[in-house]
């Protein structure tokens, strides 16, 4: 484990939380987008996206060390596994026969984005980002103090 291992771990968390915030803001920006993606020749409303995270140390050597009861580099950081669309949750049907995307009955399927859920997710990502900034700054401060010890 190097001197900068904890900073690299924290930096990976900062990067992933920033991407989470970007995806959430994209969801909020498309809350009224009824014509977003083309599927089978037909337009459909915007589908909510979410970020799936996974540990960075998800490799063979970490599993081997765990199986052999040897210490491994715990806490190697986090990375984005993929960004998925929520195709399970249906969008709300809004009655607006004048809307260009209304069906035969006059209903428009709205995106499946819930603003309350998005705001809670955004608060979670923001708090996690802020916590990791605090850890990064504390680590930087400790390294600077260690350099000062060597100066004396």
N, C-alpha and C. Protein backbone atom coordinates (compact mmCIF):
# COMPACT_ATOMS: atom_id res chain seq x y z
N UNK A 1 0.86 -1.17 0.00
CA UNK A 1 0.00 0.00 0.00
C UNK A 1 0.90 1.23 0.00
N UNK A 2 0.65 2.15 -0.90
CA UNK A 2 1.48 3.33 -1.04
C UNK A 2 0.94 4.47 -0.18
N UNK A 3 1.71 5.51 -0.13
CA UNK A 3 1.33 6.69 0.64
C UNK A 3 0.08 7.36 0.05
N UNK A 4 -0.10 7.22 -1.24
CA UNK A 4 -1.22 7.88 -1.91
C UNK A 4 -2.43 6.96 -2.11
N UNK A 5 -2.39 5.76 -1.53
CA UNK A 5 -3.48 4.80 -1.71
C UNK A 5 -4.81 5.37 -1.23
N UNK A 6 -4.82 5.99 -0.07
CA UNK A 6 -6.08 6.52 0.47
C UNK A 6 -6.58 7.70 -0.38
N UNK A 7 -5.66 8.47 -0.92
CA UNK A 7 -6.09 9.58 -1.79
C UNK A 7 -6.68 9.04 -3.09
N UNK A 8 -6.11 7.98 -3.64
CA UNK A 8 -6.66 7.38 -4.85
C UNK A 8 -8.04 6.78 -4.58
N UNK A 9 -8.20 6.16 -3.42
CA UNK A 9 -9.50 5.60 -3.06
C UNK A 9 -10.55 6.69 -2.95
N UNK A 10 -10.19 7.77 -2.28
CA UNK A 10 -11.12 8.88 -2.12
C UNK A 10 -11.42 9.55 -3.47
N UNK A 11 -10.41 9.67 -4.31
CA UNK A 11 -10.62 10.27 -5.63
C UNK A 11 -11.58 9.44 -6.48
N UNK A 12 -11.51 8.12 -6.36
CA UNK A 12 -12.44 7.28 -7.11
C UNK A 12 -13.87 7.49 -6.62
N UNK A 13 -14.04 7.66 -5.31
CA UNK A 13 -15.37 7.93 -4.76
C UNK A 13 -15.89 9.28 -5.22
N UNK A 14 -15.02 10.29 -5.27
CA UNK A 14 -15.42 11.61 -5.75
C UNK A 14 -15.89 11.54 -7.20
N UNK A 15 -15.17 10.81 -8.02
CA UNK A 15 -15.53 10.69 -9.43
C UNK A 15 -16.88 10.00 -9.61
N UNK A 16 -17.10 8.91 -8.88
CA UNK A 16 -18.37 8.19 -9.03
C UNK A 16 -19.55 9.00 -8.49
N UNK A 17 -19.36 9.71 -7.38
CA UNK A 17 -20.46 10.52 -6.84
C UNK A 17 -20.78 11.69 -7.77
N UNK A 18 -19.76 12.22 -8.41
CA UNK A 18 -20.00 13.29 -9.38
C UNK A 18 -20.82 12.77 -10.57
N UNK A 19 -20.51 11.57 -11.02
CA UNK A 19 -21.29 10.98 -12.11
C UNK A 19 -22.73 10.71 -11.65
N UNK A 20 -22.91 10.26 -10.42
CA UNK A 20 -24.27 10.07 -9.89
C UNK A 20 -25.05 11.37 -9.92
N UNK A 21 -24.40 12.46 -9.51
CA UNK A 21 -25.08 13.77 -9.53
C UNK A 21 -25.42 14.19 -10.96
N UNK A 22 -24.53 13.89 -11.92
CA UNK A 22 -24.81 14.23 -13.32
C UNK A 22 -26.00 13.45 -13.86
N UNK A 23 -26.10 12.16 -13.52
CA UNK A 23 -27.22 11.34 -13.99
C UNK A 23 -28.52 11.81 -13.35
N UNK A 24 -28.48 12.16 -12.07
CA UNK A 24 -29.68 12.66 -11.39
C UNK A 24 -30.13 13.98 -12.00
N UNK A 25 -29.19 14.85 -12.31
CA UNK A 25 -29.57 16.13 -12.91
C UNK A 25 -30.14 15.91 -14.32
N UNK A 26 -29.64 14.90 -15.04
CA UNK A 26 -30.21 14.55 -16.34
C UNK A 26 -31.64 14.06 -16.18
N UNK A 27 -31.89 13.25 -15.16
CA UNK A 27 -33.26 12.79 -14.89
C UNK A 27 -34.18 13.97 -14.61
N UNK A 28 -33.73 14.89 -13.78
CA UNK A 28 -34.56 16.05 -13.44
C UNK A 28 -34.79 16.95 -14.66
N UNK A 29 -33.79 17.07 -15.51
CA UNK A 29 -33.93 17.91 -16.71
C UNK A 29 -34.93 17.32 -17.70
N UNK A 30 -35.09 16.01 -17.67
CA UNK A 30 -35.99 15.34 -18.62
C UNK A 30 -37.32 14.92 -17.98
N UNK A 31 -37.71 15.59 -16.93
CA UNK A 31 -38.92 15.20 -16.20
C UNK A 31 -40.19 15.37 -17.03
N UNK A 32 -40.15 16.21 -18.05
CA UNK A 32 -41.32 16.43 -18.92
C UNK A 32 -41.08 15.97 -20.35
N UNK A 33 -40.04 15.22 -20.61
CA UNK A 33 -39.69 14.78 -21.96
C UNK A 33 -40.51 13.55 -22.33
N UNK A 34 -41.46 13.73 -23.21
CA UNK A 34 -42.34 12.62 -23.62
C UNK A 34 -41.88 11.95 -24.90
N UNK A 35 -40.88 12.50 -25.54
CA UNK A 35 -40.39 11.93 -26.80
C UNK A 35 -38.88 11.84 -26.73
N UNK A 36 -38.38 10.75 -26.12
CA UNK A 36 -36.95 10.68 -25.86
C UNK A 36 -36.23 9.61 -26.67
N UNK A 37 -36.67 8.38 -26.59
CA UNK A 37 -35.94 7.31 -27.26
C UNK A 37 -36.84 6.60 -28.25
N UNK A 38 -36.22 6.09 -29.27
CA UNK A 38 -36.94 5.39 -30.33
C UNK A 38 -36.84 3.90 -30.08
N UNK A 39 -37.97 3.23 -29.93
CA UNK A 39 -37.97 1.79 -29.73
C UNK A 39 -38.97 1.16 -30.69
N UNK A 40 -38.49 0.27 -31.54
CA UNK A 40 -39.33 -0.41 -32.54
C UNK A 40 -40.06 0.59 -33.45
N UNK A 41 -39.41 1.66 -33.79
CA UNK A 41 -40.00 2.64 -34.68
C UNK A 41 -40.94 3.63 -34.02
N UNK A 42 -41.13 3.52 -32.71
CA UNK A 42 -42.02 4.43 -32.00
C UNK A 42 -41.26 5.18 -30.91
N UNK A 43 -41.65 6.43 -30.74
CA UNK A 43 -41.05 7.23 -29.67
C UNK A 43 -41.65 6.80 -28.34
N UNK A 44 -40.85 6.91 -27.30
CA UNK A 44 -41.34 6.63 -25.96
C UNK A 44 -40.84 7.70 -25.02
N UNK A 45 -41.46 7.85 -23.87
CA UNK A 45 -41.01 8.87 -22.93
C UNK A 45 -39.63 8.54 -22.35
N UNK A 46 -39.00 9.56 -21.81
CA UNK A 46 -37.70 9.41 -21.17
C UNK A 46 -37.81 8.39 -20.05
N UNK A 47 -36.83 7.53 -19.92
CA UNK A 47 -36.77 6.54 -18.84
C UNK A 47 -35.71 6.96 -17.83
N UNK A 48 -36.09 6.88 -16.56
CA UNK A 48 -35.18 7.25 -15.47
C UNK A 48 -33.92 6.39 -15.53
N UNK A 49 -32.78 7.01 -15.31
CA UNK A 49 -31.50 6.31 -15.31
C UNK A 49 -30.93 6.31 -13.89
N UNK A 50 -30.19 5.27 -13.57
CA UNK A 50 -29.50 5.22 -12.28
C UNK A 50 -28.13 4.59 -12.47
N UNK A 51 -27.24 4.89 -11.55
CA UNK A 51 -25.84 4.46 -11.61
C UNK A 51 -25.66 3.24 -10.72
N UNK A 52 -24.99 2.22 -11.24
CA UNK A 52 -24.66 1.02 -10.48
C UNK A 52 -23.17 1.06 -10.19
N UNK A 53 -22.82 1.00 -8.90
CA UNK A 53 -21.42 1.07 -8.48
C UNK A 53 -20.92 -0.32 -8.10
N UNK A 54 -19.60 -0.49 -8.20
CA UNK A 54 -18.98 -1.74 -7.76
C UNK A 54 -17.60 -1.43 -7.20
N UNK A 55 -17.09 -2.29 -6.33
CA UNK A 55 -15.75 -2.05 -5.78
C UNK A 55 -14.69 -2.17 -6.86
N UNK A 56 -13.63 -1.36 -6.75
CA UNK A 56 -12.57 -1.40 -7.75
C UNK A 56 -11.69 -2.63 -7.58
N UNK A 57 -11.51 -3.10 -6.38
CA UNK A 57 -10.64 -4.25 -6.14
C UNK A 57 -11.31 -5.57 -6.44
N UNK A 58 -12.17 -5.60 -7.40
CA UNK A 58 -12.94 -6.78 -7.75
C UNK A 58 -12.16 -7.59 -8.79
N UNK A 59 -10.99 -8.11 -8.37
CA UNK A 59 -10.18 -8.87 -9.31
C UNK A 59 -9.80 -10.21 -8.70
N UNK A 60 -9.16 -11.05 -9.47
CA UNK A 60 -8.85 -12.40 -9.03
C UNK A 60 -7.93 -12.42 -7.81
N UNK A 61 -6.91 -11.56 -7.80
CA UNK A 61 -5.95 -11.59 -6.70
C UNK A 61 -6.60 -11.23 -5.36
N UNK A 62 -7.56 -10.31 -5.36
CA UNK A 62 -8.22 -9.98 -4.09
C UNK A 62 -9.06 -11.14 -3.60
N UNK A 63 -9.72 -11.87 -4.52
CA UNK A 63 -10.49 -13.05 -4.11
C UNK A 63 -9.57 -14.17 -3.63
N UNK A 64 -8.42 -14.34 -4.30
CA UNK A 64 -7.46 -15.37 -3.90
C UNK A 64 -6.90 -15.07 -2.52
N UNK A 65 -6.52 -13.82 -2.27
CA UNK A 65 -6.00 -13.45 -0.95
C UNK A 65 -7.03 -13.66 0.14
N UNK A 66 -8.28 -13.36 -0.14
CA UNK A 66 -9.34 -13.57 0.84
C UNK A 66 -9.52 -15.06 1.11
N UNK A 67 -9.49 -15.88 0.07
CA UNK A 67 -9.66 -17.32 0.22
C UNK A 67 -8.50 -17.95 1.00
N UNK A 68 -7.31 -17.39 0.85
CA UNK A 68 -6.13 -17.93 1.53
C UNK A 68 -5.90 -17.26 2.88
N UNK A 69 -6.86 -16.47 3.34
CA UNK A 69 -6.77 -15.76 4.63
C UNK A 69 -5.54 -14.86 4.72
N UNK A 70 -5.17 -14.29 3.61
CA UNK A 70 -4.08 -13.31 3.61
C UNK A 70 -4.69 -11.93 3.50
N UNK A 71 -4.05 -10.95 4.12
CA UNK A 71 -4.60 -9.59 4.01
C UNK A 71 -4.50 -9.09 2.58
N UNK A 72 -5.54 -8.45 2.15
CA UNK A 72 -5.53 -7.84 0.82
C UNK A 72 -5.71 -6.35 0.99
N UNK A 73 -5.55 -5.63 -0.09
CA UNK A 73 -5.74 -4.19 -0.05
C UNK A 73 -7.22 -3.88 0.05
N UNK A 74 -7.72 -3.85 1.26
CA UNK A 74 -9.13 -3.53 1.47
C UNK A 74 -9.34 -2.06 1.15
N UNK A 75 -10.44 -1.77 0.55
CA UNK A 75 -10.74 -0.38 0.24
C UNK A 75 -9.93 0.15 -0.91
N UNK A 76 -10.04 -0.47 -2.07
CA UNK A 76 -9.31 0.00 -3.24
C UNK A 76 -10.09 1.03 -4.03
N UNK A 77 -11.25 1.39 -3.55
CA UNK A 77 -12.02 2.41 -4.23
C UNK A 77 -13.28 1.85 -4.84
N UNK A 78 -13.93 2.69 -5.61
CA UNK A 78 -15.21 2.33 -6.23
C UNK A 78 -15.19 2.82 -7.67
N UNK A 79 -15.96 2.14 -8.50
CA UNK A 79 -16.06 2.52 -9.90
C UNK A 79 -17.50 2.31 -10.37
N UNK A 80 -17.84 2.89 -11.48
CA UNK A 80 -19.18 2.74 -12.04
C UNK A 80 -19.21 1.46 -12.86
N UNK A 81 -20.12 0.57 -12.50
CA UNK A 81 -20.29 -0.68 -13.24
C UNK A 81 -21.05 -0.42 -14.53
N UNK A 82 -22.18 0.29 -14.40
CA UNK A 82 -22.98 0.64 -15.58
C UNK A 82 -24.04 1.65 -15.20
N UNK A 83 -24.65 2.23 -16.19
CA UNK A 83 -25.79 3.13 -16.00
C UNK A 83 -26.99 2.42 -16.61
N UNK A 84 -28.01 2.20 -15.79
CA UNK A 84 -29.16 1.44 -16.26
C UNK A 84 -30.40 2.32 -16.37
N UNK A 85 -31.30 1.92 -17.25
CA UNK A 85 -32.59 2.58 -17.40
C UNK A 85 -33.64 1.82 -16.61
N UNK A 86 -34.56 2.55 -16.00
CA UNK A 86 -35.65 1.94 -15.26
C UNK A 86 -36.81 1.68 -16.22
N UNK A 87 -36.84 0.48 -16.78
CA UNK A 87 -37.90 0.12 -17.71
C UNK A 87 -39.07 -0.57 -17.02
N UNK A 88 -38.93 -0.82 -15.72
CA UNK A 88 -39.97 -1.52 -14.97
C UNK A 88 -41.09 -0.58 -14.51
N UNK A 89 -40.72 0.60 -14.03
CA UNK A 89 -41.69 1.53 -13.48
C UNK A 89 -42.41 2.26 -14.61
N UNK A 90 -43.73 2.17 -14.64
CA UNK A 90 -44.46 2.88 -15.70
C UNK A 90 -44.55 4.38 -15.39
N UNK A 91 -44.64 5.15 -16.45
CA UNK A 91 -44.83 6.59 -16.27
C UNK A 91 -46.28 6.91 -16.01
N UNK A 92 -46.52 8.07 -15.43
CA UNK A 92 -47.88 8.51 -15.14
C UNK A 92 -48.60 8.86 -16.45
N UNK A 93 -49.89 8.53 -16.52
CA UNK A 93 -50.69 8.89 -17.68
C UNK A 93 -51.40 10.20 -17.39
N UNK A 94 -51.19 11.16 -18.26
CA UNK A 94 -51.76 12.50 -18.11
C UNK A 94 -52.75 12.73 -19.25
N UNK A 95 -53.95 13.18 -18.90
CA UNK A 95 -54.96 13.42 -19.93
C UNK A 95 -54.72 14.78 -20.57
N UNK A 96 -54.33 14.77 -21.83
CA UNK A 96 -54.10 15.98 -22.60
C UNK A 96 -54.29 15.65 -24.09
N UNK A 97 -55.54 15.67 -24.57
CA UNK A 97 -55.78 15.26 -25.96
C UNK A 97 -55.13 16.18 -27.00
N UNK A 98 -54.73 17.38 -26.61
CA UNK A 98 -54.09 18.32 -27.55
C UNK A 98 -52.59 18.05 -27.71
N UNK A 99 -52.02 17.26 -26.81
CA UNK A 99 -50.58 16.98 -26.84
C UNK A 99 -50.25 16.14 -28.07
N UNK A 100 -49.15 16.45 -28.77
CA UNK A 100 -48.80 15.67 -29.98
C UNK A 100 -48.48 14.20 -29.70
N UNK A 101 -48.12 13.86 -28.47
CA UNK A 101 -47.79 12.47 -28.14
C UNK A 101 -48.94 11.73 -27.46
N UNK A 102 -50.15 12.30 -27.50
CA UNK A 102 -51.30 11.66 -26.86
C UNK A 102 -51.72 10.42 -27.67
N UNK A 103 -52.19 9.41 -26.94
CA UNK A 103 -52.68 8.21 -27.62
C UNK A 103 -54.12 8.42 -28.09
N UNK A 104 -54.76 7.36 -28.55
CA UNK A 104 -56.11 7.48 -29.10
C UNK A 104 -57.13 7.97 -28.07
N UNK A 105 -56.90 7.63 -26.79
CA UNK A 105 -57.82 8.05 -25.73
C UNK A 105 -57.50 9.45 -25.21
N UNK A 106 -56.43 10.06 -25.67
CA UNK A 106 -56.06 11.40 -25.24
C UNK A 106 -55.09 11.44 -24.07
N UNK A 107 -54.50 10.30 -23.70
CA UNK A 107 -53.55 10.24 -22.59
C UNK A 107 -52.12 10.29 -23.10
N UNK A 108 -51.29 10.98 -22.35
CA UNK A 108 -49.87 11.08 -22.66
C UNK A 108 -49.11 10.37 -21.55
N UNK A 109 -48.23 9.43 -21.93
CA UNK A 109 -47.40 8.77 -20.92
C UNK A 109 -46.22 9.68 -20.60
N UNK A 110 -46.11 10.05 -19.33
CA UNK A 110 -45.03 10.92 -18.88
C UNK A 110 -43.83 10.07 -18.45
N UNK A 111 -42.65 10.66 -18.34
CA UNK A 111 -41.47 9.91 -17.87
C UNK A 111 -41.68 9.37 -16.46
N UNK A 112 -40.99 8.29 -16.14
CA UNK A 112 -41.11 7.67 -14.84
C UNK A 112 -40.16 8.27 -13.81
N UNK A 113 -39.94 9.57 -13.89
CA UNK A 113 -39.04 10.28 -12.98
C UNK A 113 -39.86 10.88 -11.85
N UNK A 114 -39.50 10.51 -10.62
CA UNK A 114 -40.16 11.05 -9.43
C UNK A 114 -39.25 12.12 -8.83
N UNK A 115 -39.68 13.40 -8.83
CA UNK A 115 -38.79 14.46 -8.34
C UNK A 115 -38.37 14.28 -6.89
N UNK A 116 -39.25 13.75 -6.06
CA UNK A 116 -38.90 13.53 -4.65
C UNK A 116 -37.77 12.51 -4.52
N UNK A 117 -37.91 11.41 -5.24
CA UNK A 117 -36.86 10.38 -5.21
C UNK A 117 -35.54 10.92 -5.74
N UNK A 118 -35.60 11.71 -6.80
CA UNK A 118 -34.38 12.27 -7.38
C UNK A 118 -33.70 13.23 -6.40
N UNK A 119 -34.49 14.02 -5.69
CA UNK A 119 -33.91 14.96 -4.73
C UNK A 119 -33.26 14.22 -3.56
N UNK A 120 -33.88 13.13 -3.10
CA UNK A 120 -33.28 12.33 -2.03
C UNK A 120 -31.98 11.71 -2.51
N UNK A 121 -31.98 11.16 -3.73
CA UNK A 121 -30.75 10.60 -4.30
C UNK A 121 -29.68 11.67 -4.47
N UNK A 122 -30.10 12.87 -4.88
CA UNK A 122 -29.14 13.96 -5.06
C UNK A 122 -28.54 14.38 -3.72
N UNK A 123 -29.36 14.44 -2.69
CA UNK A 123 -28.85 14.78 -1.36
C UNK A 123 -27.87 13.72 -0.87
N UNK A 124 -28.18 12.46 -1.12
CA UNK A 124 -27.29 11.37 -0.73
C UNK A 124 -25.95 11.47 -1.45
N UNK A 125 -25.99 11.69 -2.75
CA UNK A 125 -24.75 11.81 -3.54
C UNK A 125 -23.94 13.03 -3.11
N UNK A 126 -24.64 14.13 -2.83
CA UNK A 126 -23.96 15.35 -2.40
C UNK A 126 -23.27 15.16 -1.06
N UNK A 127 -23.98 14.54 -0.11
CA UNK A 127 -23.39 14.30 1.22
C UNK A 127 -22.19 13.36 1.13
N UNK A 128 -22.31 12.36 0.30
CA UNK A 128 -21.19 11.43 0.11
C UNK A 128 -20.00 12.15 -0.51
N UNK A 129 -20.27 13.00 -1.49
CA UNK A 129 -19.21 13.77 -2.13
C UNK A 129 -18.52 14.68 -1.11
N UNK A 130 -19.33 15.38 -0.31
CA UNK A 130 -18.77 16.28 0.71
C UNK A 130 -17.94 15.52 1.74
N UNK A 131 -18.43 14.34 2.14
CA UNK A 131 -17.68 13.53 3.09
C UNK A 131 -16.34 13.10 2.53
N UNK A 132 -16.32 12.73 1.26
CA UNK A 132 -15.06 12.32 0.64
C UNK A 132 -14.12 13.50 0.44
N UNK A 133 -14.64 14.69 0.21
CA UNK A 133 -13.78 15.88 0.14
C UNK A 133 -13.13 16.12 1.49
N UNK A 134 -13.89 15.94 2.57
CA UNK A 134 -13.35 16.10 3.92
C UNK A 134 -12.24 15.09 4.18
N UNK A 135 -12.45 13.84 3.80
CA UNK A 135 -11.43 12.80 3.97
C UNK A 135 -10.19 13.14 3.16
N UNK A 136 -10.38 13.58 1.93
CA UNK A 136 -9.25 13.93 1.07
C UNK A 136 -8.43 15.07 1.68
N UNK A 137 -9.12 16.11 2.17
CA UNK A 137 -8.41 17.24 2.78
C UNK A 137 -7.71 16.85 4.07
N UNK A 138 -8.32 15.98 4.87
CA UNK A 138 -7.67 15.51 6.11
C UNK A 138 -6.42 14.71 5.77
N UNK A 139 -6.51 13.87 4.76
CA UNK A 139 -5.36 13.08 4.34
C UNK A 139 -4.24 13.99 3.83
N UNK A 140 -4.62 14.99 3.05
CA UNK A 140 -3.63 15.94 2.54
C UNK A 140 -2.95 16.69 3.69
N UNK A 141 -3.74 17.08 4.67
CA UNK A 141 -3.19 17.78 5.84
C UNK A 141 -2.21 16.90 6.62
N UNK A 142 -2.57 15.62 6.78
CA UNK A 142 -1.65 14.71 7.49
C UNK A 142 -0.35 14.53 6.73
N UNK A 143 -0.43 14.46 5.41
CA UNK A 143 0.80 14.32 4.61
C UNK A 143 1.67 15.57 4.72
N UNK A 144 1.02 16.74 4.74
CA UNK A 144 1.79 17.98 4.88
C UNK A 144 2.46 18.05 6.24
N UNK A 145 1.77 17.62 7.28
CA UNK A 145 2.37 17.60 8.62
C UNK A 145 3.51 16.60 8.70
N UNK A 146 3.38 15.47 8.02
CA UNK A 146 4.47 14.50 7.99
C UNK A 146 5.70 15.07 7.30
N UNK A 147 5.49 15.86 6.26
CA UNK A 147 6.61 16.51 5.58
C UNK A 147 7.28 17.54 6.49
N UNK A 148 6.47 18.21 7.31
CA UNK A 148 7.01 19.19 8.24
C UNK A 148 7.88 18.52 9.30
N UNK A 149 7.53 17.31 9.70
CA UNK A 149 8.33 16.57 10.69
C UNK A 149 9.72 16.30 10.11
N UNK A 150 9.78 15.92 8.87
CA UNK A 150 11.06 15.65 8.22
C UNK A 150 11.90 16.89 8.02
N UNK A 151 11.28 18.03 8.04
CA UNK A 151 11.98 19.30 7.85
C UNK A 151 12.78 19.72 9.07
N UNK A 152 12.30 19.36 10.24
CA UNK A 152 12.93 19.80 11.52
C UNK A 152 14.27 19.19 11.74
